[in-house]
Every structure is written in structure tokens, then in C-alpha cells.
């Protein structure tokens, strides 16, 4: 019994150290990014094999795109929440779950326990997934509104920031769950960010055939930067300056990426912090504070 009590106290102490430590280390790099306004901010956290991106508009709204990782550790409690606390975020105006894979949403319940989440946006396939029933039941118990979005939807209340849903299409029945990922185009001050979720070959073709202008300065590489046979066609349409990869993989797929683009990986950078407006784009990495500007 004594051994169990000591173990519990040790686990509690380690947990406290993790949270406090994460708040401290994020403070080293984000201080400069939280000063002043007039810029769109995008933060991609290092969550291992998973995804979490925070979009912050100049008018103070917070959009979370995915919140999950592969494995059993609570990424919402141990990684995402400490970052949000440090940056002064108390409300998530919309949490977008790109698709039904747990490594994109399993940290969300812990965030809902700790922050006000005004609504959760999903694609329609989530309601037909046995794997997502627990999450949907949790959201219902917490009275968090859930809205289904598809191509053509736009998020409102973001001031001069435009956020459009480019995927999935309304008739997505023939697509895999990865290819029904919610793809967002975010635009501000003449700059664009494309968040791709886990779309693969079919999803890329659907996106290319959608008629949307896909040109963006920043793209989050689809499916954690893994091999996709036609991803070069997507990059040719987007013509990105920066390619962000949310992964813990060391696989070298640089041959798939266009010349002139800078690829930044969360597991190497620690986290990626971007500020952008019509004057340019500023990028900082957590591990070394490197500043890259256009």
C-alpha cells in the first residue's frame, strides 16, 4: 500500500513538472510572437505522429485545427494545454477535426475539460464512425455544439481573415476517410495557408478538380508528409514558400517537394511559429529560435 501511495505521489509530481516545464519552455520562444497585432499567427506544435495547429486572427479569435497524436499519452493535457495557457488562450472559438483518425482528435477531450470551446467542426463521416462515438458522446455531455462542414463553408467572425473549407465535397461517399479530411484555405493580407489533413491520392485529385485557386505561401503537407504518388501535382498548384510537416518520421521524401520551397518538420523544429501579413512572413522554430523571413 505504501509503495502504491509513493508511486502515485511520484506520478503526480512528474505530471506537475511536465506541465510547468512545458509552460516555461514555450515562454522562451513565444514571447515575441504574442506582442502587438496586425498579423495572422499559425503555430504547429510538435505532437509526434499527429497534428495540432493553432490559427490566431488579428482580432483575437482562436481556431484549432486538429488536436491529437498516435499513442496513449494525453497530448491535450501535456503539450497543447500548457502552450495555450502560456499564450493567454482561454477560449477556442472553433476546433476543427480534419477527419476520424484518433491521432487528429484524441487530445480534444482534455482541452474541453480545461478551456472554453465554442464549437467543434467536423466532416459528416465522423457521425458514421464507430471509433468516434466516444468523442461525440463526450461532446454531447459537455454541451459543445458540433457542426458539419463541407466544401464551400466559411468560418465567420475572424475580421479580415478568410477561412474557407475546400474539402470534402458534398458528395464524398466514394472517398476514403483520409480523403474526406477537412481542408482549409486561410487568407490574410495577401498571404495564404493551406491545411490539408490526411488527404491522399484521391483527395488531391478532388481538390485539384474543385476549381479553387490553391496558391498559398504555406502548406501543411498532407498525411504527415508521407509518400503520396501525386503530391507533386498539389505542390505545383500551391507553389508554396514553406512546407510544414507534422510528424516524428525521419523518412526523406525531399524528392517529392518542389525546388525553392523550405521544408520545416515539427520533430526537428520542436514547434513552428509563423506570423504573416502583407509585409511578409516570419518563421521561428522552437528548438533554436531561428528566424526565417521572406
C-alpha atoms as a PDB file:
ATOM      1  CA  UNK A   1       0.000   0.000   0.000  1.00  0.00           C
ATOM      2  CA  UNK A   2       2.838   2.377   0.863  1.00  0.00           C
ATOM      3  CA  UNK A   3       4.587   1.590  -2.396  1.00  0.00           C
ATOM      4  CA  UNK A   4       1.388   2.406  -4.317  1.00  0.00           C
ATOM      5  CA  UNK A   5       0.980   5.720  -2.492  1.00  0.00           C
ATOM      6  CA  UNK A   6       4.573   6.685  -3.174  1.00  0.00           C
ATOM      7  CA  UNK A   7       4.095   5.748  -6.828  1.00  0.00           C
ATOM      8  CA  UNK A   8       1.005   7.900  -7.076  1.00  0.00           C
ATOM      9  CA  UNK A   9       2.763  10.867  -5.465  1.00  0.00           C
ATOM     10  CA  UNK A  10       5.729  10.424  -7.803  1.00  0.00           C
ATOM     11  CA  UNK A  11       3.465  10.250 -10.843  1.00  0.00           C
ATOM     12  CA  UNK A  12       1.646  13.369  -9.684  1.00  0.00           C
ATOM     13  CA  UNK A  13       4.926  15.234  -9.185  1.00  0.00           C
ATOM     14  CA  UNK A  14       6.193  14.201 -12.603  1.00  0.00           C
ATOM     15  CA  UNK A  15       2.937  15.360 -14.165  1.00  0.00           C
ATOM     16  CA  UNK A  16       3.201  18.759 -12.477  1.00  0.00           C
ATOM     17  CA  UNK A  17       6.807  19.092 -13.654  1.00  0.00           C
ATOM     18  CA  UNK A  18       5.776  18.276 -17.221  1.00  0.00           C
ATOM     19  CA  UNK A  19       3.070  20.941 -17.251  1.00  0.00           C
ATOM     20  CA  UNK A  20       5.181  23.628 -15.578  1.00  0.00           C
ATOM     21  CA  UNK A  21       8.154  22.726 -17.728  1.00  0.00           C
ATOM     22  CA  UNK A  22       6.137  22.977 -20.918  1.00  0.00           C
ATOM     23  CA  UNK A  23       4.784  26.394 -19.903  1.00  0.00           C
ATOM     24  CA  UNK A  24       8.337  27.601 -19.225  1.00  0.00           C
ATOM     25  CA  UNK A  25       9.910  26.325 -22.417  1.00  0.00           C
ATOM     26  CA  UNK A  26       7.141  27.657 -24.632  1.00  0.00           C
ATOM     27  CA  UNK A  27       7.673  31.011 -22.942  1.00  0.00           C
ATOM     28  CA  UNK A  28      11.222  31.189 -24.246  1.00  0.00           C
ATOM     29  CA  UNK A  29      10.124  31.445 -27.831  1.00  0.00           C
ATOM     30  CA  UNK A  30       6.568  32.762 -27.942  1.00  0.00           C
ATOM     31  CA  UNK A  31       7.055  35.982 -26.029  1.00  0.00           C
ATOM     32  CA  UNK A  32       7.931  37.973 -29.121  1.00  0.00           C
ATOM     33  CA  UNK A  33       5.084  36.412 -31.025  1.00  0.00           C
ATOM     34  CA  UNK A  34       2.431  37.458 -28.538  1.00  0.00           C
ATOM     35  CA  UNK A  35       3.311  41.146 -28.690  1.00  0.00           C
ATOM     36  CA  UNK A  36       1.439  43.515 -30.971  1.00  0.00           C
ATOM     37  CA  UNK A  37      -1.241  42.775 -33.548  1.00  0.00           C
ATOM     38  CA  UNK A  38      -1.849  43.149 -37.229  1.00  0.00           C
ATOM     39  CA  UNK A  39      -0.681  39.669 -38.194  1.00  0.00           C
ATOM     40  CA  UNK A  40      -2.113  36.224 -38.676  1.00  0.00           C
ATOM     41  CA  UNK A  41      -0.393  33.687 -36.455  1.00  0.00           C
ATOM     42  CA  UNK A  42      -0.019  29.989 -37.125  1.00  0.00           C
ATOM     43  CA  UNK A  43       1.566  27.615 -34.608  1.00  0.00           C
ATOM     44  CA  UNK A  44       2.262  23.962 -35.430  1.00  0.00           C
ATOM     45  CA  UNK A  45       3.141  22.036 -32.282  1.00  0.00           C
ATOM     46  CA  UNK A  46       5.389  19.004 -32.084  1.00  0.00           C
ATOM     47  CA  UNK A  47       2.973  16.249 -31.080  1.00  0.00           C
ATOM     48  CA  UNK A  48       4.891  13.344 -32.581  1.00  0.00           C
ATOM     49  CA  UNK A  49       2.911  11.436 -35.190  1.00  0.00           C
ATOM     50  CA  UNK A  50      -0.263  13.503 -35.132  1.00  0.00           C
ATOM     51  CA  UNK A  51      -1.328  17.056 -35.733  1.00  0.00           C
ATOM     52  CA  UNK A  52      -2.174  20.256 -33.908  1.00  0.00           C
ATOM     53  CA  UNK A  53      -2.184  23.713 -35.493  1.00  0.00           C
ATOM     54  CA  UNK A  54      -3.424  26.900 -33.828  1.00  0.00           C
ATOM     55  CA  UNK A  55      -4.586  29.764 -36.038  1.00  0.00           C
ATOM     56  CA  UNK A  56      -4.899  33.159 -34.329  1.00  0.00           C
ATOM     57  CA  UNK A  57      -6.520  36.076 -36.128  1.00  0.00           C
ATOM     58  CA  UNK A  58      -5.598  39.736 -35.546  1.00  0.00           C
ATOM     59  CA  UNK A  59      -8.996  40.288 -33.887  1.00  0.00           C
ATOM     60  CA  UNK A  60      -8.158  37.748 -31.181  1.00  0.00           C
ATOM     61  CA  UNK A  61     -10.030  34.661 -32.389  1.00  0.00           C
ATOM     62  CA  UNK A  62      -8.512  31.189 -31.986  1.00  0.00           C
ATOM     63  CA  UNK A  63      -9.075  28.317 -34.400  1.00  0.00           C
ATOM     64  CA  UNK A  64      -7.621  24.917 -33.513  1.00  0.00           C
ATOM     65  CA  UNK A  65      -7.009  22.541 -36.408  1.00  0.00           C
ATOM     66  CA  UNK A  66      -6.707  19.024 -35.024  1.00  0.00           C
ATOM     67  CA  UNK A  67      -5.503  18.024 -31.562  1.00  0.00           C
ATOM     68  CA  UNK A  68      -4.140  14.517 -31.439  1.00  0.00           C
ATOM     69  CA  UNK A  69      -1.235  12.119 -31.648  1.00  0.00           C
ATOM     70  CA  UNK A  70      -0.601   8.418 -32.081  1.00  0.00           C
ATOM     71  CA  UNK A  71      -0.233   6.541 -28.794  1.00  0.00           C
ATOM     72  CA  UNK A  72      -1.703   6.600 -25.307  1.00  0.00           C
ATOM     73  CA  UNK A  73      -0.159   9.765 -23.835  1.00  0.00           C
ATOM     74  CA  UNK A  74      -2.544  12.676 -23.300  1.00  0.00           C
ATOM     75  CA  UNK A  75      -1.250  15.247 -25.785  1.00  0.00           C
ATOM     76  CA  UNK A  76      -4.063  17.658 -24.937  1.00  0.00           C
ATOM     77  CA  UNK A  77      -3.115  17.777 -21.262  1.00  0.00           C
ATOM     78  CA  UNK A  78       0.668  17.512 -21.560  1.00  0.00           C
ATOM     79  CA  UNK A  79       1.510  19.512 -24.681  1.00  0.00           C
ATOM     80  CA  UNK A  80      -1.324  21.577 -26.134  1.00  0.00           C
ATOM     81  CA  UNK A  81      -2.861  22.929 -22.915  1.00  0.00           C
ATOM     82  CA  UNK A  82       0.441  24.286 -21.500  1.00  0.00           C
ATOM     83  CA  UNK A  83       1.076  26.100 -24.767  1.00  0.00           C
ATOM     84  CA  UNK A  84      -2.410  27.614 -24.811  1.00  0.00           C
ATOM     85  CA  UNK A  85      -2.107  28.727 -21.180  1.00  0.00           C
ATOM     86  CA  UNK A  86       1.178  30.448 -21.859  1.00  0.00           C
ATOM     87  CA  UNK A  87      -0.130  32.305 -24.885  1.00  0.00           C
ATOM     88  CA  UNK A  88      -3.110  33.526 -22.867  1.00  0.00           C
ATOM     89  CA  UNK A  89      -5.723  31.494 -24.730  1.00  0.00           C
ATOM     90  CA  UNK A  90      -8.790  30.771 -22.612  1.00  0.00           C
ATOM     91  CA  UNK A  91     -11.304  30.254 -25.429  1.00  0.00           C
ATOM     92  CA  UNK A  92     -11.071  28.186 -28.587  1.00  0.00           C
ATOM     93  CA  UNK A  93     -13.597  29.735 -30.934  1.00  0.00           C
ATOM     94  CA  UNK A  94     -13.682  26.695 -33.200  1.00  0.00           C
ATOM     95  CA  UNK A  95     -11.929  23.340 -33.080  1.00  0.00           C
ATOM     96  CA  UNK A  96     -11.753  21.696 -36.487  1.00  0.00           C
ATOM     97  CA  UNK A  97     -11.318  17.911 -36.560  1.00  0.00           C
ATOM     98  CA  UNK A  98      -9.942  17.173 -40.012  1.00  0.00           C
ATOM     99  CA  UNK A  99     -11.123  13.527 -40.051  1.00  0.00           C
ATOM    100  CA  UNK A 100     -11.801  10.468 -37.935  1.00  0.00           C
ATOM    101  CA  UNK A 101      -8.275   9.194 -37.229  1.00  0.00           C
ATOM    102  CA  UNK A 102      -7.596   9.401 -33.481  1.00  0.00           C
ATOM    103  CA  UNK A 103      -4.149  10.949 -33.989  1.00  0.00           C
ATOM    104  CA  UNK A 104      -6.010  14.060 -35.101  1.00  0.00           C
ATOM    105  CA  UNK A 105      -8.509  14.373 -32.242  1.00  0.00           C
ATOM    106  CA  UNK A 106      -7.666  12.266 -29.179  1.00  0.00           C
ATOM    107  CA  UNK A 107      -6.304  15.297 -27.290  1.00  0.00           C
ATOM    108  CA  UNK A 108      -9.516  17.291 -27.664  1.00  0.00           C
ATOM    109  CA  UNK A 109     -11.406  15.964 -24.601  1.00  0.00           C
ATOM    110  CA  UNK A 110      -8.633  17.157 -22.256  1.00  0.00           C
ATOM    111  CA  UNK A 111      -8.764  20.601 -23.861  1.00  0.00           C
ATOM    112  CA  UNK A 112     -12.526  20.800 -23.434  1.00  0.00           C
ATOM    113  CA  UNK A 113     -12.024  19.996 -19.740  1.00  0.00           C
ATOM    114  CA  UNK A 114      -9.634  22.958 -19.436  1.00  0.00           C
ATOM    115  CA  UNK A 115     -10.798  25.605 -21.927  1.00  0.00           C
ATOM    116  CA  UNK A 116     -13.995  27.017 -23.312  1.00  0.00           C
ATOM    117  CA  UNK A 117     -14.561  25.507 -26.765  1.00  0.00           C
ATOM    118  CA  UNK A 118     -17.364  27.321 -28.544  1.00  0.00           C
ATOM    119  CA  UNK A 119     -17.925  24.682 -31.231  1.00  0.00           C
ATOM    120  CA  UNK A 120     -16.379  21.702 -32.970  1.00  0.00           C
ATOM    121  CA  UNK A 121     -16.406  21.448 -36.757  1.00  0.00           C
ATOM    122  CA  UNK A 122     -16.275  18.019 -38.408  1.00  0.00           C
ATOM    123  CA  UNK A 123     -16.943  16.334 -41.710  1.00  0.00           C
ATOM    124  CA  UNK A 124     -20.089  14.243 -41.991  1.00  0.00           C
ATOM    125  CA  UNK A 125     -18.224  10.928 -41.923  1.00  0.00           C
ATOM    126  CA  UNK A 126     -17.440  11.381 -38.244  1.00  0.00           C
ATOM    127  CA  UNK A 127     -21.055  10.580 -37.356  1.00  0.00           C
ATOM    128  CA  UNK A 128     -20.816   7.214 -39.109  1.00  0.00           C
ATOM    129  CA  UNK A 129     -17.585   6.097 -37.465  1.00  0.00           C
ATOM    130  CA  UNK A 130     -17.745   3.640 -34.532  1.00  0.00           C
ATOM    131  CA  UNK A 131     -14.335   4.949 -33.445  1.00  0.00           C
ATOM    132  CA  UNK A 132     -15.736   8.458 -32.974  1.00  0.00           C
ATOM    133  CA  UNK A 133     -18.805   7.547 -30.924  1.00  0.00           C
ATOM    134  CA  UNK A 134     -16.995   8.107 -27.643  1.00  0.00           C
ATOM    135  CA  UNK A 135     -15.900  11.578 -28.726  1.00  0.00           C
ATOM    136  CA  UNK A 136     -19.365  12.537 -29.945  1.00  0.00           C
ATOM    137  CA  UNK A 137     -20.900  11.319 -26.680  1.00  0.00           C
ATOM    138  CA  UNK A 138     -18.359  13.347 -24.707  1.00  0.00           C
ATOM    139  CA  UNK A 139     -19.122  16.493 -26.721  1.00  0.00           C
ATOM    140  CA  UNK A 140     -22.840  15.995 -26.153  1.00  0.00           C
ATOM    141  CA  UNK A 141     -22.312  15.553 -22.385  1.00  0.00           C
ATOM    142  CA  UNK A 142     -20.281  18.784 -22.310  1.00  0.00           C
ATOM    143  CA  UNK A 143     -22.873  20.687 -24.395  1.00  0.00           C
ATOM    144  CA  UNK A 144     -20.288  21.560 -27.023  1.00  0.00           C
ATOM    145  CA  UNK A 145     -22.041  22.268 -30.354  1.00  0.00           C
ATOM    146  CA  UNK A 146     -20.925  20.107 -33.272  1.00  0.00           C
ATOM    147  CA  UNK A 147     -21.320  21.398 -36.834  1.00  0.00           C
ATOM    148  CA  UNK A 148     -20.775  19.507 -40.088  1.00  0.00           C
ATOM    149  CA  UNK A 149     -18.815  21.409 -42.730  1.00  0.00           C
ATOM    150  CA  UNK A 150     -18.081  20.659 -46.358  1.00  0.00           C
ATOM    151  CA  UNK A 151     -16.717  22.413 -49.419  1.00  0.00           C
ATOM    152  CA  UNK A 152     -17.977  25.978 -49.695  1.00  0.00           C
ATOM    153  CA  UNK A 153     -18.376  26.627 -45.969  1.00  0.00           C
ATOM    154  CA  UNK A 154     -16.657  29.678 -44.472  1.00  0.00           C
ATOM    155  CA  UNK A 155     -15.818  30.464 -40.871  1.00  0.00           C
ATOM    156  CA  UNK A 156     -17.111  33.839 -39.719  1.00  0.00           C
ATOM    157  CA  UNK A 157     -16.170  36.339 -37.013  1.00  0.00           C
ATOM    158  CA  UNK A 158     -12.483  36.450 -37.933  1.00  0.00           C
ATOM    159  CA  UNK A 159     -12.312  40.047 -39.128  1.00  0.00           C
ATOM    160  CA  UNK A 160     -10.167  40.376 -42.248  1.00  0.00           C
ATOM    161  CA  UNK A 161      -9.108  36.722 -42.099  1.00  0.00           C
ATOM    162  CA  UNK A 162     -10.830  34.408 -44.568  1.00  0.00           C
ATOM    163  CA  UNK A 163     -11.119  30.700 -43.719  1.00  0.00           C
ATOM    164  CA  UNK A 164     -12.742  28.547 -46.397  1.00  0.00           C
ATOM    165  CA  UNK A 165     -13.414  24.810 -46.404  1.00  0.00           C
ATOM    166  CA  UNK A 166     -12.200  23.325 -49.705  1.00  0.00           C
ATOM    167  CA  UNK A 167     -12.751  19.653 -48.886  1.00  0.00           C
ATOM    168  CA  UNK A 168     -14.655  17.349 -48.512  1.00  0.00           C
ATOM    169  CA  UNK A 169     -17.176  17.846 -51.317  1.00  0.00           C
ATOM    170  CA  UNK A 170     -20.830  17.312 -50.542  1.00  0.00           C
ATOM    171  CA  UNK A 171     -20.847  14.001 -52.422  1.00  0.00           C
ATOM    172  CA  UNK A 172     -17.869  12.404 -50.676  1.00  0.00           C
ATOM    173  CA  UNK A 173     -19.342   8.914 -50.377  1.00  0.00           C
ATOM    174  CA  UNK A 174     -16.733   7.247 -52.578  1.00  0.00           C
ATOM    175  CA  UNK A 175     -13.732   8.710 -50.779  1.00  0.00           C
ATOM    176  CA  UNK A 176     -11.659   7.093 -48.037  1.00  0.00           C
ATOM    177  CA  UNK A 177     -11.807   8.609 -44.567  1.00  0.00           C
ATOM    178  CA  UNK A 178      -8.394  10.214 -45.140  1.00  0.00           C
ATOM    179  CA  UNK A 179      -9.545  11.750 -48.415  1.00  0.00           C
ATOM    180  CA  UNK A 180     -12.574  13.309 -46.716  1.00  0.00           C
ATOM    181  CA  UNK A 181     -10.280  15.398 -44.489  1.00  0.00           C
ATOM    182  CA  UNK A 182     -11.405  18.971 -43.928  1.00  0.00           C
ATOM    183  CA  UNK A 183      -9.002  21.063 -45.996  1.00  0.00           C
ATOM    184  CA  UNK A 184      -8.842  24.738 -45.026  1.00  0.00           C
ATOM    185  CA  UNK A 185      -7.609  27.718 -47.019  1.00  0.00           C
ATOM    186  CA  UNK A 186      -6.724  30.606 -44.698  1.00  0.00           C
ATOM    187  CA  UNK A 187      -6.013  34.037 -46.207  1.00  0.00           C
ATOM    188  CA  UNK A 188      -4.959  37.344 -44.718  1.00  0.00           C
ATOM    189  CA  UNK A 189      -3.088  40.368 -46.042  1.00  0.00           C
ATOM    190  CA  UNK A 190      -2.431  38.741 -49.382  1.00  0.00           C
ATOM    191  CA  UNK A 191      -0.947  35.639 -47.718  1.00  0.00           C
ATOM    192  CA  UNK A 192      -2.356  32.127 -47.799  1.00  0.00           C
ATOM    193  CA  UNK A 193      -2.101  28.949 -45.720  1.00  0.00           C
ATOM    194  CA  UNK A 194      -3.415  25.572 -46.886  1.00  0.00           C
ATOM    195  CA  UNK A 195      -4.074  22.928 -44.195  1.00  0.00           C
ATOM    196  CA  UNK A 196      -4.541  19.514 -45.815  1.00  0.00           C
ATOM    197  CA  UNK A 197      -5.264  16.957 -43.111  1.00  0.00           C
ATOM    198  CA  UNK A 198      -4.561  13.435 -44.341  1.00  0.00           C
ATOM    199  CA  UNK A 199      -5.734  13.666 -47.952  1.00  0.00           C
ATOM    200  CA  UNK A 200      -4.019  11.209 -50.265  1.00  0.00           C
ATOM    201  CA  UNK A 201      -4.220  10.460 -53.999  1.00  0.00           C
ATOM    202  CA  UNK A 202      -7.999  10.664 -54.398  1.00  0.00           C
ATOM    203  CA  UNK A 203      -8.347  13.689 -52.150  1.00  0.00           C
ATOM    204  CA  UNK A 204      -5.632  15.539 -54.035  1.00  0.00           C
ATOM    205  CA  UNK A 205      -7.346  14.881 -57.374  1.00  0.00           C
ATOM    206  CA  UNK A 206     -10.682  16.056 -55.952  1.00  0.00           C
ATOM    207  CA  UNK A 207      -9.013  19.206 -54.644  1.00  0.00           C
ATOM    208  CA  UNK A 208      -7.274  19.895 -57.956  1.00  0.00           C
ATOM    209  CA  UNK A 209     -10.582  19.448 -59.795  1.00  0.00           C
ATOM    210  CA  UNK A 210     -12.518  21.681 -57.389  1.00  0.00           C
ATOM    211  CA  UNK A 211     -11.911  24.896 -59.329  1.00  0.00           C
ATOM    212  CA  UNK A 212     -10.427  26.684 -56.320  1.00  0.00           C
ATOM    213  CA  UNK A 213      -7.244  28.714 -56.598  1.00  0.00           C
ATOM    214  CA  UNK A 214      -4.895  26.680 -54.415  1.00  0.00           C
ATOM    215  CA  UNK A 215      -1.990  29.149 -54.439  1.00  0.00           C
ATOM    216  CA  UNK A 216      -0.684  29.588 -50.888  1.00  0.00           C
ATOM    217  CA  UNK A 217       2.538  30.737 -49.258  1.00  0.00           C
ATOM    218  CA  UNK A 218       2.383  27.976 -46.648  1.00  0.00           C
ATOM    219  CA  UNK A 219       1.080  24.420 -46.944  1.00  0.00           C
ATOM    220  CA  UNK A 220       0.870  21.759 -44.276  1.00  0.00           C
ATOM    221  CA  UNK A 221       1.992  18.639 -46.092  1.00  0.00           C
ATOM    222  CA  UNK A 222      -0.830  16.095 -46.434  1.00  0.00           C
ATOM    223  CA  UNK A 223      -0.738  12.866 -44.422  1.00  0.00           C
ATOM    224  CA  UNK A 224       2.232  13.855 -42.241  1.00  0.00           C
ATOM    225  CA  UNK A 225       4.499  14.296 -45.262  1.00  0.00           C
ATOM    226  CA  UNK A 226       4.355  10.603 -46.160  1.00  0.00           C
ATOM    227  CA  UNK A 227       4.668   9.275 -49.697  1.00  0.00           C
ATOM    228  CA  UNK A 228       1.744  10.189 -51.973  1.00  0.00           C
ATOM    229  CA  UNK A 229       2.201   9.413 -55.645  1.00  0.00           C
ATOM    230  CA  UNK A 230       0.613  12.623 -56.968  1.00  0.00           C
ATOM    231  CA  UNK A 231       1.578  15.102 -54.250  1.00  0.00           C
ATOM    232  CA  UNK A 232       3.893  16.897 -56.697  1.00  0.00           C
ATOM    233  CA  UNK A 233       0.778  17.947 -58.632  1.00  0.00           C
ATOM    234  CA  UNK A 234      -0.616  19.524 -55.474  1.00  0.00           C
ATOM    235  CA  UNK A 235       2.618  21.408 -54.779  1.00  0.00           C
ATOM    236  CA  UNK A 236       2.691  22.626 -58.380  1.00  0.00           C
ATOM    237  CA  UNK A 237      -0.767  24.146 -57.883  1.00  0.00           C
ATOM    238  CA  UNK A 238       0.005  25.599 -54.450  1.00  0.00           C
ATOM    239  CA  UNK A 239       3.567  26.860 -55.217  1.00  0.00           C
ATOM    240  CA  UNK A 240       4.366  27.200 -51.504  1.00  0.00           C
ATOM    241  CA  UNK A 241       7.255  29.064 -49.987  1.00  0.00           C
ATOM    242  CA  UNK A 242       7.096  26.916 -46.837  1.00  0.00           C
ATOM    243  CA  UNK A 243       6.054  23.268 -46.470  1.00  0.00           C
ATOM    244  CA  UNK A 244       5.232  22.260 -42.887  1.00  0.00           C
ATOM    245  CA  UNK A 245       5.378  18.592 -41.897  1.00  0.00           C
ATOM    246  CA  UNK A 246       3.753  17.379 -38.674  1.00  0.00           C
ATOM    247  CA  UNK A 247       5.442  14.056 -37.955  1.00  0.00           C
ATOM    248  CA  UNK A 248       8.033  12.180 -35.953  1.00  0.00           C
ATOM    249  CA  UNK A 249       9.283  10.349 -39.036  1.00  0.00           C
ATOM    250  CA  UNK A 250      12.802  10.833 -40.364  1.00  0.00           C
ATOM    251  CA  UNK A 251      11.923   9.466 -43.809  1.00  0.00           C
ATOM    252  CA  UNK A 252      13.489  11.604 -46.540  1.00  0.00           C
ATOM    253  CA  UNK A 253      10.885  12.456 -49.158  1.00  0.00           C
ATOM    254  CA  UNK A 254      12.507  15.687 -50.311  1.00  0.00           C
ATOM    255  CA  UNK A 255      12.378  14.486 -53.911  1.00  0.00           C
ATOM    256  CA  UNK A 256       8.591  14.942 -53.794  1.00  0.00           C
ATOM    257  CA  UNK A 257       8.879  18.595 -52.874  1.00  0.00           C
ATOM    258  CA  UNK A 258       9.440  21.497 -55.261  1.00  0.00           C
ATOM    259  CA  UNK A 259      12.683  23.414 -55.577  1.00  0.00           C
ATOM    260  CA  UNK A 260      12.608  26.807 -53.927  1.00  0.00           C
ATOM    261  CA  UNK A 261      10.383  25.684 -51.049  1.00  0.00           C
ATOM    262  CA  UNK A 262      11.679  25.360 -47.495  1.00  0.00           C
ATOM    263  CA  UNK A 263      10.504  22.220 -45.670  1.00  0.00           C
ATOM    264  CA  UNK A 264      10.139  22.518 -41.884  1.00  0.00           C
ATOM    265  CA  UNK A 265       9.414  19.470 -39.706  1.00  0.00           C
ATOM    266  CA  UNK A 266       7.883  19.711 -36.256  1.00  0.00           C
ATOM    267  CA  UNK A 267      10.020  16.897 -34.821  1.00  0.00           C
ATOM    268  CA  UNK A 268      13.158  18.779 -35.844  1.00  0.00           C
ATOM    269  CA  UNK A 269      11.936  22.285 -35.036  1.00  0.00           C
ATOM    270  CA  UNK A 270      10.185  21.411 -31.768  1.00  0.00           C
ATOM    271  CA  UNK A 271       7.355  23.680 -32.879  1.00  0.00           C
ATOM    272  CA  UNK A 272       6.853  26.153 -35.700  1.00  0.00           C
ATOM    273  CA  UNK A 273       5.668  29.716 -35.120  1.00  0.00           C
ATOM    274  CA  UNK A 274       4.610  31.800 -38.133  1.00  0.00           C
ATOM    275  CA  UNK A 275       3.441  35.401 -38.358  1.00  0.00           C
ATOM    276  CA  UNK A 276       2.223  36.773 -41.662  1.00  0.00           C
ATOM    277  CA  UNK A 277       0.714  39.887 -43.163  1.00  0.00           C
ATOM    278  CA  UNK A 278       1.164  41.918 -46.340  1.00  0.00           C
ATOM    279  CA  UNK A 279       4.685  42.919 -45.220  1.00  0.00           C
ATOM    280  CA  UNK A 280       5.911  39.321 -45.220  1.00  0.00           C
ATOM    281  CA  UNK A 281       6.179  36.063 -43.320  1.00  0.00           C
ATOM    282  CA  UNK A 282       8.242  35.480 -40.189  1.00  0.00           C
ATOM    283  CA  UNK A 283       9.040  31.935 -39.082  1.00  0.00           C
ATOM    284  CA  UNK A 284      10.577  30.846 -35.777  1.00  0.00           C
ATOM    285  CA  UNK A 285      11.462  27.353 -34.702  1.00  0.00           C
ATOM    286  CA  UNK A 286      11.220  26.362 -31.064  1.00  0.00           C
ATOM    287  CA  UNK A 287      14.482  24.467 -30.762  1.00  0.00           C
ATOM    288  CA  UNK A 288      16.853  27.201 -31.892  1.00  0.00           C
ATOM    289  CA  UNK A 289      14.703  30.295 -32.358  1.00  0.00           C
ATOM    290  CA  UNK A 290      15.806  30.565 -35.951  1.00  0.00           C
ATOM    291  CA  UNK A 291      14.198  33.444 -37.803  1.00  0.00           C
ATOM    292  CA  UNK A 292      13.374  32.955 -41.469  1.00  0.00           C
ATOM    293  CA  UNK A 293      11.774  35.825 -43.389  1.00  0.00           C
ATOM    294  CA  UNK A 294      10.734  36.296 -46.993  1.00  0.00           C
END
